[in-house]
Amino acid sequence: NNYEKPIYCFTRSYFSTCSCLSDRKQFPTFFRVVPNDDYQVKAIAQLLKRFDWTWIGMVTEDDDYGRFALQGLKREIENTNICLAYHEMIPKDYTQEQVLKILKVMKESTAKVVVVFSGEGGFYPFLREFVTQNITGMEWIASEAWVTASMLAESYPFLDGTIGFAIHQGYIPGLQNYLKTVTPERYPSNPQVQELWEALYGCFPSTTSLNKKVNFDVKGDSIPSYDLINWQRLSSGDIQFVKVGIYDGAQQAGRELLIVEQAIMWSHLQNKARCSIKNTVTM
C-alpha cells in the first residue's frame, strides 16, 4: 500500500493580531492565541464614543497591521458622529523628510486625539522626531503593540496620559516560581530552554487561568478580553502602566467596555478627557 496520509502543519502565533490572517481560504492552517484586530478597533471605537472624542487623527505603520486597522476603525465609526481628520503612515523605509511631513499634518490639524497602530520599533524613531517639533496637547490612544512598551515610556515621558488596550493578562498559580527554576544549567539537554532563557527571562507569558472558559468565533479566533491601560506619571517621574478598565468581547453588545474613570490620570496638561476640536465650515 503506497498510500500516504497527508501531514498537516499548523502555524500557531502568540503575537500576530492582523485581521488579515483570519482569512481561512488564504491561511487555512493558521491559528493564534491572541484576538484579531477587528475586536481591538471595536474596543477603540467604544472608547472614542465614551469620551466623546469625535474628531481624531490616525497614524499607522505602512504594512498589513496598519492598513487593516485603518479599514476596521473606519468601518466601526461609520454612521457615528466620529470623523477621521487625517490618516498618516509611518514608512517602512524610514526617512526624516517623510516623517516631518506627517508631523506637519499633525501639528496643523485641530484633531488632538491620535490613534496609533504601530509596533514600538517603528514608533520609537517617529517619536524622536515628534519631540523636536514642539507639538503639545495630544491625547494618544495606543494599540496593543506598544501600550505596554517600557522602552517608549522610559524614553518619552511626555506620553503620560496615554490610554489603550492590552491583551488581557492571565495568571497561573505557581508558574512564576517554576519559570525561575528553568535554566540551561538545570536542563542542558533541552534545546528549547536556551531560547526560553533568552526570550522570557524576567517575563511571564500571558495565558488563561485554570478552568477558565475560552471562546472562539466562527473564524477560529479567540473572543477577546482586553485590559484598558493608562500611562500614569509617578512622583519620581517614571511612567507606570495602570489597568483602569476592561473590554470583554463575550458580553452583550454595548456592555463590553467597563471603565473606572476616576482611576484615570490624564496628561499633566489636563485633568480630564480632552475634547477634539472639529473645524466647522459655514456654507
Protein backbone atom coordinates (compact mmCIF):
# COMPACT_ATOMS: atom_id res chain seq x y z
CA ASN A 1 0.00 0.00 0.00
CA ASN A 2 1.72 3.14 -1.22
CA TYR A 3 -0.96 5.44 0.11
CA GLU A 4 0.50 8.16 2.29
CA LYS A 5 -1.58 10.11 4.72
CA PRO A 6 -1.24 13.88 4.33
CA ILE A 7 0.64 15.70 7.03
CA TYR A 8 -0.86 18.98 8.16
CA CYS A 9 1.38 21.60 9.72
CA PHE A 10 -0.49 24.17 11.79
CA THR A 11 1.08 27.55 12.36
CA ARG A 12 0.43 28.98 15.82
CA SER A 13 1.13 32.57 16.79
CA TYR A 14 1.15 34.32 20.15
CA PHE A 15 1.52 37.88 18.83
CA SER A 16 0.14 38.26 15.28
CA THR A 17 -3.09 40.23 15.56
CA CYS A 18 -3.73 41.41 11.98
CA SER A 19 -7.30 40.67 10.94
CA CYS A 20 -5.98 39.67 7.51
CA LEU A 21 -4.80 36.37 9.00
CA SER A 22 -8.40 35.34 9.73
CA ASP A 23 -8.94 34.60 6.03
CA ARG A 24 -9.38 30.81 6.13
CA LYS A 25 -9.04 30.48 2.36
CA GLN A 26 -5.65 32.14 2.34
CA PHE A 27 -4.45 30.88 5.74
CA PRO A 28 -6.32 27.60 6.39
CA THR A 29 -3.81 26.23 8.92
CA PHE A 30 -3.05 29.42 10.83
CA PHE A 31 -4.16 29.70 14.45
CA ARG A 32 -3.35 32.18 17.18
CA VAL A 33 -3.83 32.63 20.88
CA VAL A 34 -4.48 36.37 20.69
CA PRO A 35 -7.58 38.13 19.33
CA ASN A 36 -7.51 39.69 15.89
CA ASP A 37 -7.58 43.45 15.46
CA ASP A 38 -11.22 43.55 14.36
CA TYR A 39 -12.02 43.28 18.04
CA GLN A 40 -9.45 45.85 19.06
CA VAL A 41 -10.87 48.51 16.74
CA LYS A 42 -14.33 47.77 18.16
CA ALA A 43 -12.92 48.45 21.62
CA ILE A 44 -11.21 51.66 20.48
CA ALA A 45 -14.40 52.88 18.78
CA GLN A 46 -16.30 52.38 22.04
CA LEU A 47 -13.56 54.24 23.91
CA LEU A 48 -13.87 57.18 21.50
CA LYS A 49 -17.63 57.26 22.00
CA ARG A 50 -17.32 57.06 25.78
CA PHE A 51 -15.19 60.21 25.96
CA ASP A 52 -16.97 61.97 23.10
CA TRP A 53 -13.81 62.12 21.01
CA THR A 54 -15.38 62.86 17.65
CA TRP A 55 -12.53 64.43 15.67
CA ILE A 56 -9.48 62.19 15.57
CA GLY A 57 -6.27 61.53 13.72
CA MET A 58 -4.74 58.14 13.00
CA VAL A 59 -1.13 57.12 12.49
CA THR A 60 -0.23 53.58 11.44
CA GLU A 61 2.69 51.59 10.17
CA ASP A 62 2.80 51.11 6.41
CA ASP A 63 2.00 47.39 6.49
CA ASP A 64 -0.94 45.00 6.78
CA TYR A 65 -1.18 45.61 10.53
CA GLY A 66 -1.71 49.32 9.97
CA ARG A 67 -3.82 49.13 6.82
CA PHE A 68 -6.28 46.57 8.17
CA ALA A 69 -6.56 48.50 11.44
CA LEU A 70 -7.46 51.62 9.45
CA GLN A 71 -10.11 49.74 7.47
CA GLY A 72 -11.52 48.27 10.66
CA LEU A 73 -11.72 51.57 12.52
CA LYS A 74 -13.36 53.30 9.54
CA ARG A 75 -15.94 50.54 9.50
CA GLU A 76 -16.63 50.88 13.23
CA ILE A 77 -17.07 54.67 13.20
CA GLU A 78 -19.24 54.67 10.09
CA ASN A 79 -22.71 56.03 10.85
CA THR A 80 -21.46 57.62 14.09
CA ASN A 81 -20.52 61.23 14.84
CA ILE A 82 -16.81 60.30 14.91
CA CYS A 83 -14.81 61.68 11.99
CA LEU A 84 -11.27 60.96 10.85
CA ALA A 85 -9.35 64.21 10.36
CA TYR A 86 -6.33 62.52 8.79
CA HIS A 87 -4.55 59.21 8.38
CA GLU A 88 -0.78 59.06 8.02
CA MET A 89 1.51 56.05 7.58
CA ILE A 90 4.96 55.68 9.12
CA PRO A 91 7.08 54.48 6.17
CA LYS A 92 8.92 51.18 6.33
CA ASP A 93 11.96 52.78 4.76
CA TYR A 94 12.25 55.49 7.37
CA THR A 95 13.29 58.94 6.18
CA GLN A 96 13.28 62.14 8.18
CA GLU A 97 11.70 64.04 5.29
CA GLN A 98 8.65 61.77 5.16
CA VAL A 99 8.18 61.80 8.92
CA LEU A 100 8.41 65.59 9.06
CA LYS A 101 5.58 65.76 6.50
CA ILE A 102 3.45 63.59 8.79
CA LEU A 103 4.27 65.74 11.80
CA LYS A 104 3.34 68.87 9.85
CA VAL A 105 -0.12 67.41 9.24
CA MET A 106 -0.48 66.56 12.94
CA LYS A 107 0.69 69.99 14.06
CA GLU A 108 -1.68 71.86 11.76
CA SER A 109 -4.70 69.66 12.48
CA THR A 110 -7.25 70.59 15.14
CA ALA A 111 -7.65 66.90 16.00
CA LYS A 112 -5.96 66.40 19.37
CA VAL A 113 -6.76 62.71 19.83
CA VAL A 114 -4.48 60.38 17.86
CA VAL A 115 -4.94 56.63 17.44
CA VAL A 116 -1.62 54.89 16.75
CA PHE A 117 -1.31 51.35 15.37
CA SER A 118 2.40 50.62 15.34
CA GLY A 119 4.97 48.38 16.89
CA GLU A 120 7.32 50.03 19.35
CA GLY A 121 10.27 49.55 16.99
CA GLY A 122 8.65 51.61 14.24
CA PHE A 123 7.12 54.17 16.59
CA TYR A 124 10.33 54.93 18.52
CA PRO A 125 12.17 56.90 15.78
CA PHE A 126 8.91 58.63 14.86
CA LEU A 127 8.60 59.95 18.41
CA ARG A 128 12.21 61.06 18.32
CA GLU A 129 11.28 63.47 15.53
CA PHE A 130 8.00 64.36 17.25
CA VAL A 131 9.92 65.74 20.24
CA THR A 132 11.85 68.17 18.03
CA GLN A 133 8.67 69.74 16.60
CA ASN A 134 7.31 71.09 19.89
CA ILE A 135 3.86 69.60 19.31
CA THR A 136 1.81 69.59 22.51
CA GLY A 137 -1.67 68.82 23.73
CA MET A 138 -2.02 65.37 22.18
CA GLU A 139 -4.03 62.52 23.67
CA TRP A 140 -2.52 59.24 22.47
CA ILE A 141 -4.59 56.09 22.02
CA ALA A 142 -2.25 53.12 21.82
CA SER A 143 -2.69 49.80 20.06
CA GLU A 144 -1.77 46.61 21.90
CA ALA A 145 1.61 46.51 20.14
CA TRP A 146 3.00 49.46 22.14
CA VAL A 147 0.62 50.16 25.02
CA THR A 148 2.94 48.38 27.48
CA ALA A 149 6.24 49.26 25.79
CA SER A 150 8.62 50.11 28.63
CA MET A 151 11.24 51.44 26.21
CA LEU A 152 8.85 54.13 24.96
CA ALA A 153 7.67 55.04 28.45
CA GLU A 154 11.24 55.45 29.68
CA SER A 155 12.42 57.46 26.66
CA TYR A 156 9.37 59.65 26.08
CA PRO A 157 7.74 60.64 29.40
CA PHE A 158 5.56 63.21 27.58
CA LEU A 159 3.38 60.22 26.67
CA ASP A 160 1.89 60.22 30.17
CA GLY A 161 -1.88 60.07 29.95
CA THR A 162 -1.74 57.63 27.03
CA ILE A 163 -4.57 55.12 27.07
CA GLY A 164 -5.09 51.92 25.10
CA PHE A 165 -5.93 48.25 25.13
CA ALA A 166 -3.56 45.44 26.07
CA ILE A 167 -4.29 41.75 25.66
CA HIS A 168 -5.66 40.54 28.98
CA GLN A 169 -3.03 39.11 31.30
CA GLY A 170 -3.95 35.71 32.68
CA TYR A 171 -2.45 34.17 35.80
CA ILE A 172 -1.38 30.60 36.56
CA PRO A 173 -0.58 29.91 40.23
CA GLY A 174 2.99 28.69 40.61
CA LEU A 175 4.08 29.50 37.06
CA GLN A 176 6.29 32.40 38.09
CA ASN A 177 8.21 30.35 40.63
CA TYR A 178 8.60 27.47 38.18
CA LEU A 179 9.96 29.66 35.39
CA LYS A 180 12.61 30.97 37.77
CA THR A 181 13.96 27.41 38.05
CA VAL A 182 14.20 26.82 34.29
CA THR A 183 17.86 27.40 33.43
CA PRO A 184 20.25 25.98 30.81
CA GLU A 185 22.32 24.51 33.64
CA ARG A 186 19.38 22.58 35.04
CA TYR A 187 18.10 21.37 31.64
CA PRO A 188 21.24 21.17 29.46
CA SER A 189 19.76 18.63 27.02
CA ASN A 190 16.60 20.61 26.26
CA PRO A 191 17.22 22.87 23.23
CA GLN A 192 14.16 24.99 23.97
CA VAL A 193 15.41 26.07 27.38
CA GLN A 194 18.12 28.31 25.96
CA GLU A 195 15.56 30.06 23.76
CA LEU A 196 13.22 30.43 26.72
CA TRP A 197 16.05 31.79 28.86
CA GLU A 198 16.95 34.40 26.27
CA ALA A 199 13.41 35.43 25.36
CA LEU A 200 11.41 35.17 28.56
CA TYR A 201 13.75 35.61 31.50
CA GLY A 202 12.08 38.01 33.84
CA CYS A 203 8.84 37.93 31.81
CA PHE A 204 5.95 35.57 32.17
CA PRO A 205 3.69 34.66 29.25
CA SER A 206 0.04 35.58 29.18
CA THR A 207 -2.31 32.62 29.31
CA THR A 208 -5.71 31.69 30.59
CA SER A 209 -6.28 30.69 34.19
CA LEU A 210 -7.03 27.10 35.12
CA ASN A 211 -10.59 26.02 34.26
CA LYS A 212 -11.39 29.38 32.67
CA LYS A 213 -13.74 29.16 29.68
CA VAL A 214 -12.22 30.31 26.39
CA ASN A 215 -14.49 31.25 23.47
CA PHE A 216 -13.77 31.30 19.74
CA ASP A 217 -15.63 32.93 16.86
CA VAL A 218 -16.64 31.31 13.57
CA LYS A 219 -13.21 32.07 12.08
CA GLY A 220 -11.41 30.26 14.88
CA ASP A 221 -10.19 33.45 16.57
CA SER A 222 -10.46 33.79 20.32
CA ILE A 223 -13.13 36.13 21.68
CA PRO A 224 -11.10 38.95 23.22
CA SER A 225 -10.61 40.18 26.71
CA TYR A 226 -8.55 43.37 26.83
CA ASP A 227 -7.18 45.38 29.73
CA LEU A 228 -7.56 49.15 29.37
CA ILE A 229 -4.15 50.58 30.27
CA ASN A 230 -3.40 54.16 31.32
CA TRP A 231 0.13 55.61 31.43
CA GLN A 232 0.47 57.38 34.78
CA ARG A 233 3.42 59.50 35.85
CA LEU A 234 4.75 58.80 39.33
CA SER A 235 6.25 61.43 41.62
CA SER A 236 9.66 60.06 40.62
CA GLY A 237 8.91 60.97 37.00
CA ASP A 238 8.67 57.35 35.90
CA ILE A 239 5.68 56.05 33.94
CA GLN A 240 3.55 53.27 35.37
CA PHE A 241 1.09 51.15 33.37
CA VAL A 242 -2.18 51.08 35.31
CA LYS A 243 -5.24 48.99 34.49
CA VAL A 244 -8.29 51.28 34.51
CA GLY A 245 -10.87 49.14 32.74
CA ILE A 246 -11.65 46.05 30.71
CA TYR A 247 -13.19 45.15 27.37
CA ASP A 248 -14.89 41.76 27.33
CA GLY A 249 -15.97 40.73 23.84
CA ALA A 250 -18.13 37.93 25.25
CA GLN A 251 -20.56 40.41 26.83
CA GLN A 252 -23.74 41.70 25.23
CA ALA A 253 -23.40 44.46 22.63
CA GLY A 254 -22.97 47.79 24.37
CA ARG A 255 -21.81 46.21 27.64
CA GLU A 256 -18.35 45.09 26.59
CA LEU A 257 -16.46 48.13 27.89
CA LEU A 258 -16.11 48.91 31.60
CA ILE A 259 -14.02 51.92 32.65
CA VAL A 260 -13.16 53.19 36.12
CA GLU A 261 -12.94 56.83 35.04
CA GLN A 262 -11.85 58.18 38.42
CA ALA A 263 -8.77 55.96 38.23
CA ILE A 264 -7.53 57.57 35.00
CA MET A 265 -4.70 60.09 35.16
CA TRP A 266 -4.57 62.28 32.09
CA SER A 267 -1.54 64.19 30.90
CA HIS A 268 -0.07 66.87 33.16
CA LEU A 269 -1.50 69.31 30.61
CA GLN A 270 -5.05 68.33 31.53
CA ASN A 271 -7.14 66.97 34.37
CA LYS A 272 -9.93 65.40 32.38
CA ALA A 273 -10.63 63.93 28.98
CA ARG A 274 -9.63 66.43 26.33
CA CYS A 275 -12.13 67.27 23.62
CA SER A 276 -11.22 67.01 19.97
CA ILE A 277 -11.99 70.26 18.20
CA LYS A 278 -13.57 69.87 14.79
CA ASN A 279 -13.34 72.69 12.30
CA THR A 280 -16.73 73.95 11.17
CA VAL A 281 -17.23 75.49 7.78
CA THR A 282 -20.07 77.87 7.00
CA MET A 283 -21.51 77.20 3.56
